[in-house]
Amino acid sequence: MHTILRLLGTAAAVMLTAYLVPGLAIASGWQTALLVALVWSAITIVIRPALQILTLPITVLTFGIFAFVLNALLFWLMSFVVPGFSVAGFWPALFGAAVLSLLTWFINKAL
């Protein structure tokens, strides 16, 4: 039950992020938001840790700023994987990833 609530919270955060950040669009509403939440969770659990280890030297050289770039690139990758979800470019991806991370953290703490 807790996992379903977290997934629904992430879907709500995705909808709110698409509303707040210009350059993000969700075409089909809640169905697409749930799919984006599911894909984002999978990317966060499976792909991001491996990429963080691989890019650790550049992250150290940039004092952690590359971690934001990596997050934005993974967020932008989602727009190619999930139909009905579009990201207009790198800057909307960067802001969208930051807002989604903050909203997801806040919602998960509230739950």
Foldseek 3Di string as FASTA:
>chain_A
DLVVQLLVQLLVLLVVLQVPFPQKFAAPPSVLSSVLSVVLVCCVVPPLVVVCVVCVVVCVVVVNPVSLQVLLVVQQVSCVVGPRIHGRDSVSSSSSSVSSVVSSVVSSVVD
